[in-house]
Amino acid sequence: MELIYKNLTEKLRTCIFAVHNNVGVGYDEKTYHQGLIRRFQEDGDIAFVSQEIKWLLHRNLPVRMFKLDLLAFDKIILLLKCIPSAFIQPNYVQMISELKLWQKRLGLMANWGLPKVNIKRIPFTEKEKKLWEDCSYIQNRMTAQKRQLLLKLREAILFVCECHGLGYGKTVCQKLVETELAFQKIQFVKHAPIEVKYNNEIIRNFKMRFGLVENQVILGVTALQKECNYEILTMQTYLKALGLSVGLLANFGKSQLEIRGVKA
């Protein structure tokens, strides 16, 4: 299968290697960024913009600002890193998020933090919106009031997925859901405090990693998780500590949105 933008990619790779050879090893991202700008200008055949800013909006409200390192030919996003290792998960999440927001099909990640510059192609196509859910564990623990609240939360999560799809990282998905809950005037407390006890003695006041909705339900939002066993166990611990019976966990996964009920 023919690689997308193969010729354009080769031009960019040539420039990246040329800057690496010219400048040398051991500098930071800003240094190599400026080197690439000079190389593109010398070449004269590479249309580009540097550090373009775009806001991710939900309900016309700003959720997160993104800033590209470089956009070449109005087609390929370049993400520049300088880390002494292979690319790590947050680098991929950042790249996919930028490709989603700018609606581009290809990204190039360049890592200058190794003896030889490492370049990785990241093709992108929007994922089909799929849903998997299981609330069977909490069916017998829901009052009519909690059932209505859980339905509202489910609708809010589904609406966020319908608007933005899959591919954004955990922090962005959490902020999107929080923005939707605020729009619907659903009370949501982020990082509600928990009294942690050892043998009935309070040893610490801890801000939990999930949100508390209407003082009745714990809501957890994560993203790109292969499995959520740790999040489920964590939510069960929080439920018991707060004396609550049910929680809802949403994972904006790589291939599907997963919604599951969690009981104490």
Protein backbone atom coordinates (compact mmCIF):
# COMPACT_ATOMS: atom_id res chain seq x y z
CA MET A 1 0.00 0.00 0.00
CA GLU A 2 1.35 3.41 -0.97
CA LEU A 3 2.34 5.58 1.99
CA ILE A 4 0.40 8.82 2.18
CA TYR A 5 2.39 11.94 1.37
CA LYS A 6 5.47 9.83 0.69
CA ASN A 7 7.37 12.45 -1.33
CA LEU A 8 6.51 15.26 1.07
CA THR A 9 7.59 13.11 4.01
CA GLU A 10 10.94 12.40 2.38
CA LYS A 11 11.56 16.14 1.99
CA LEU A 12 10.84 16.69 5.67
CA ARG A 13 13.02 13.77 6.76
CA THR A 14 15.91 15.16 4.70
CA CYS A 15 15.55 18.52 6.46
CA ILE A 16 15.40 16.93 9.91
CA PHE A 17 18.57 14.92 9.32
CA ALA A 18 20.32 17.96 7.84
CA VAL A 19 19.56 20.07 10.92
CA HIS A 20 20.72 17.26 13.22
CA ASN A 21 23.99 16.92 11.34
CA ASN A 22 24.54 20.67 11.19
CA VAL A 23 23.64 21.60 14.79
CA GLY A 24 24.79 18.46 16.57
CA VAL A 25 23.63 16.51 19.61
CA GLY A 26 22.69 17.79 23.05
CA TYR A 27 20.45 20.83 22.58
CA ASP A 28 16.79 21.34 23.45
CA GLU A 29 13.59 21.26 21.39
CA LYS A 30 13.53 25.02 20.84
CA THR A 31 17.01 24.91 19.32
CA TYR A 32 16.13 22.21 16.79
CA HIS A 33 12.82 23.94 16.11
CA GLN A 34 14.66 27.10 15.10
CA GLY A 35 17.08 25.03 13.02
CA LEU A 36 14.20 23.45 11.09
CA ILE A 37 12.65 26.84 10.43
CA ARG A 38 15.94 28.06 8.95
CA ARG A 39 16.29 24.90 6.86
CA PHE A 40 12.72 25.20 5.52
CA GLN A 41 13.38 28.83 4.61
CA GLU A 42 16.60 27.90 2.83
CA ASP A 43 14.85 25.14 0.91
CA GLY A 44 12.21 27.58 -0.33
CA ASP A 45 9.90 24.74 -1.40
CA ILE A 46 8.37 23.86 1.96
CA ALA A 47 5.30 25.84 2.98
CA PHE A 48 4.98 25.80 6.76
CA VAL A 49 3.57 27.54 9.81
CA SER A 50 5.19 27.50 13.24
CA GLN A 51 3.41 27.26 16.59
CA GLU A 52 -0.11 27.65 15.27
CA ILE A 53 -2.66 27.74 18.10
CA LYS A 54 -6.14 26.22 18.11
CA TRP A 55 -8.68 25.79 20.89
CA LEU A 56 -10.73 22.66 21.42
CA LEU A 57 -14.27 23.87 22.03
CA HIS A 58 -17.30 22.19 23.55
CA ARG A 59 -20.69 23.92 23.53
CA ASN A 60 -18.71 26.88 22.15
CA LEU A 61 -16.71 27.00 25.37
CA PRO A 62 -12.88 26.70 25.41
CA VAL A 63 -11.71 23.38 26.84
CA ARG A 64 -8.04 23.09 25.92
CA MET A 65 -5.51 25.08 23.92
CA PHE A 66 -3.18 23.19 21.58
CA LYS A 67 -0.07 24.62 19.93
CA LEU A 68 1.60 22.86 17.01
CA ASP A 69 5.36 22.81 16.67
CA LEU A 70 5.15 22.92 12.86
CA LEU A 71 2.62 22.28 10.13
CA ALA A 72 4.19 21.59 6.72
CA PHE A 73 2.45 21.80 3.34
CA ASP A 74 -0.83 22.28 5.25
CA LYS A 75 -0.85 18.46 5.44
CA ILE A 76 1.74 17.10 7.87
CA ILE A 77 2.08 17.97 11.56
CA LEU A 78 5.59 17.85 13.04
CA LEU A 79 6.00 17.18 16.74
CA LEU A 80 9.51 17.82 18.04
CA LYS A 81 10.81 16.12 21.18
CA CYS A 82 14.15 15.86 22.92
CA ILE A 83 14.00 12.89 25.29
CA PRO A 84 16.74 10.33 26.08
CA SER A 85 14.52 7.34 25.26
CA ALA A 86 12.10 5.97 22.71
CA PHE A 87 8.84 7.86 22.31
CA ILE A 88 6.54 7.47 25.31
CA GLN A 89 2.75 7.21 25.50
CA PRO A 90 2.08 10.94 26.16
CA ASN A 91 3.93 11.77 22.91
CA TYR A 92 1.55 9.57 20.91
CA VAL A 93 -1.47 11.01 22.73
CA GLN A 94 -0.31 14.55 21.94
CA MET A 95 0.26 13.70 18.28
CA ILE A 96 -3.12 12.04 17.81
CA SER A 97 -4.86 14.89 19.63
CA GLU A 98 -3.28 17.44 17.29
CA LEU A 99 -4.12 15.39 14.20
CA LYS A 100 -7.74 15.11 15.38
CA LEU A 101 -8.14 18.80 16.14
CA TRP A 102 -6.48 20.02 12.93
CA GLN A 103 -8.11 17.23 10.88
CA LYS A 104 -4.86 16.12 9.25
CA ARG A 105 -4.00 12.62 8.07
CA LEU A 106 -0.31 12.38 8.97
CA GLY A 107 2.07 13.40 11.70
CA LEU A 108 5.84 13.08 12.04
CA MET A 109 7.41 12.85 15.48
CA ALA A 110 11.12 13.66 15.65
CA ASN A 111 13.16 12.91 18.77
CA TRP A 112 16.51 14.71 18.99
CA GLY A 113 17.41 13.37 22.44
CA LEU A 114 19.32 10.32 21.18
CA PRO A 115 22.67 10.00 19.37
CA LYS A 116 20.74 9.57 16.11
CA VAL A 117 17.56 11.52 15.52
CA ASN A 118 14.53 9.21 15.57
CA ILE A 119 11.57 9.89 13.25
CA LYS A 120 8.21 8.14 13.46
CA ARG A 121 5.24 8.41 11.10
CA ILE A 122 1.80 8.62 12.73
CA PRO A 123 -1.04 8.17 10.23
CA PHE A 124 -4.50 9.15 11.45
CA THR A 125 -8.06 8.31 10.50
CA GLU A 126 -11.05 9.15 12.67
CA LYS A 127 -12.30 6.12 14.59
CA GLU A 128 -15.84 4.86 14.14
CA LYS A 129 -17.93 5.65 17.23
CA LYS A 130 -18.66 2.36 19.01
CA LEU A 131 -20.22 1.80 22.42
CA TRP A 132 -19.81 -0.98 24.98
CA GLU A 133 -21.54 -0.73 28.33
CA ASP A 134 -22.30 -2.87 31.34
CA CYS A 135 -24.27 -1.54 34.30
CA SER A 136 -25.52 -4.93 35.46
CA TYR A 137 -23.49 -4.73 38.68
CA ILE A 138 -25.44 -1.72 39.94
CA GLN A 139 -28.97 -2.53 38.76
CA ASN A 140 -30.11 -3.64 42.23
CA ARG A 141 -28.45 -0.73 44.02
CA MET A 142 -30.18 2.15 42.30
CA THR A 143 -33.00 4.17 43.79
CA ALA A 144 -35.27 5.97 41.33
CA GLN A 145 -33.35 9.19 42.03
CA LYS A 146 -29.96 7.60 41.39
CA ARG A 147 -31.27 5.92 38.25
CA GLN A 148 -32.29 9.29 36.83
CA LEU A 149 -28.94 10.80 37.75
CA LEU A 150 -27.02 7.91 36.14
CA LEU A 151 -29.10 8.28 32.98
CA LYS A 152 -28.18 11.98 32.84
CA LEU A 153 -24.51 11.13 33.26
CA ARG A 154 -24.72 8.49 30.55
CA GLU A 155 -26.36 10.95 28.15
CA ALA A 156 -23.68 13.56 28.88
CA ILE A 157 -20.87 11.06 28.20
CA LEU A 158 -22.53 9.87 24.99
CA PHE A 159 -22.98 13.45 23.81
CA VAL A 160 -19.29 14.22 24.38
CA CYS A 161 -18.35 11.11 22.40
CA GLU A 162 -20.73 12.02 19.59
CA CYS A 163 -19.24 15.51 19.36
CA HIS A 164 -15.56 14.64 19.68
CA GLY A 165 -15.15 10.92 19.08
CA LEU A 166 -12.21 8.89 20.35
CA GLY A 167 -8.51 9.65 20.43
CA TYR A 168 -8.06 12.47 22.93
CA GLY A 169 -6.16 11.73 26.12
CA LYS A 170 -7.45 11.35 29.65
CA THR A 171 -7.08 14.98 30.74
CA VAL A 172 -8.90 16.32 27.68
CA CYS A 173 -11.75 13.79 27.96
CA GLN A 174 -12.19 14.62 31.64
CA LYS A 175 -12.40 18.32 30.85
CA LEU A 176 -14.89 17.71 28.02
CA VAL A 177 -17.19 15.75 30.33
CA GLU A 178 -16.85 18.34 33.10
CA THR A 179 -17.77 21.08 30.63
CA GLU A 180 -20.86 19.16 29.52
CA LEU A 181 -21.96 18.54 33.12
CA ALA A 182 -21.58 22.24 33.90
CA PHE A 183 -23.61 23.10 30.79
CA GLN A 184 -26.39 20.77 31.97
CA LYS A 185 -26.15 22.24 35.49
CA ILE A 186 -25.29 18.89 37.05
CA GLN A 187 -23.39 19.44 40.30
CA PHE A 188 -19.89 18.03 40.02
CA VAL A 189 -17.10 18.27 42.59
CA LYS A 190 -13.65 17.53 41.27
CA HIS A 191 -11.22 15.86 43.70
CA ALA A 192 -13.69 15.57 46.59
CA PRO A 193 -11.92 14.95 49.92
CA ILE A 194 -11.86 11.51 51.56
CA GLU A 195 -10.92 10.74 55.15
CA VAL A 196 -8.52 7.80 54.89
CA LYS A 197 -8.60 5.57 57.96
CA TYR A 198 -6.34 2.90 59.38
CA ASN A 199 -8.00 0.84 62.14
CA ASN A 200 -10.68 3.57 62.39
CA GLU A 201 -8.03 6.27 62.90
CA ILE A 202 -7.93 9.07 60.34
CA ILE A 203 -4.44 9.11 58.84
CA ARG A 204 -4.95 11.52 55.97
CA ASN A 205 -7.39 13.71 54.09
CA PHE A 206 -7.04 12.65 50.46
CA LYS A 207 -8.42 14.30 47.32
CA MET A 208 -9.84 11.46 45.25
CA ARG A 209 -8.92 11.12 41.61
CA PHE A 210 -12.53 10.95 40.41
CA GLY A 211 -15.44 13.37 40.61
CA LEU A 212 -18.44 13.36 42.92
CA VAL A 213 -21.81 14.05 41.29
CA GLU A 214 -24.70 15.48 43.33
CA ASN A 215 -23.09 13.93 46.43
CA GLN A 216 -24.51 10.58 45.29
CA VAL A 217 -22.42 9.03 42.51
CA ILE A 218 -18.70 8.86 41.81
CA LEU A 219 -17.86 9.53 38.16
CA GLY A 220 -14.54 8.47 36.68
CA VAL A 221 -13.38 9.41 33.19
CA THR A 222 -10.29 7.96 31.57
CA ALA A 223 -9.06 7.44 28.01
CA LEU A 224 -7.09 5.07 25.80
CA GLN A 225 -7.04 2.35 28.46
CA LYS A 226 -6.76 -1.29 27.36
CA GLU A 227 -8.31 -2.42 30.63
CA CYS A 228 -9.67 -0.53 33.64
CA ASN A 229 -9.17 -2.93 36.54
CA TYR A 230 -7.12 -0.45 38.55
CA GLU A 231 -9.70 2.31 38.03
CA ILE A 232 -12.53 -0.03 39.08
CA LEU A 233 -10.74 -1.10 42.27
CA THR A 234 -9.89 2.53 43.03
CA MET A 235 -13.51 3.58 42.60
CA GLN A 236 -14.68 0.75 44.87
CA THR A 237 -12.27 1.97 47.57
CA TYR A 238 -13.59 5.52 47.25
CA LEU A 239 -17.22 4.36 47.34
CA LYS A 240 -16.65 2.48 50.58
CA ALA A 241 -14.76 5.38 52.14
CA LEU A 242 -17.59 7.81 51.31
CA GLY A 243 -20.40 5.41 52.17
CA LEU A 244 -21.80 5.46 48.65
CA SER A 245 -23.20 2.52 46.72
CA VAL A 246 -22.62 3.19 43.00
CA GLY A 247 -20.21 4.79 40.58
CA LEU A 248 -19.89 5.18 36.83
CA LEU A 249 -16.67 4.76 34.88
CA ALA A 250 -16.24 5.96 31.29
CA ASN A 251 -13.21 5.00 29.20
CA PHE A 252 -12.81 6.79 25.87
CA GLY A 253 -10.81 3.86 24.56
CA LYS A 254 -8.79 3.31 21.41
CA SER A 255 -11.60 1.54 19.54
CA GLN A 256 -14.77 2.15 21.57
CA LEU A 257 -16.38 4.12 24.35
CA GLU A 258 -16.80 1.92 27.42
CA ILE A 259 -19.31 2.75 30.16
CA ARG A 260 -19.61 0.53 33.18
CA GLY A 261 -21.31 0.65 36.52
CA VAL A 262 -19.23 0.06 39.64
CA LYS A 263 -20.60 -1.00 43.03
CA ALA A 264 -19.01 -0.62 46.44
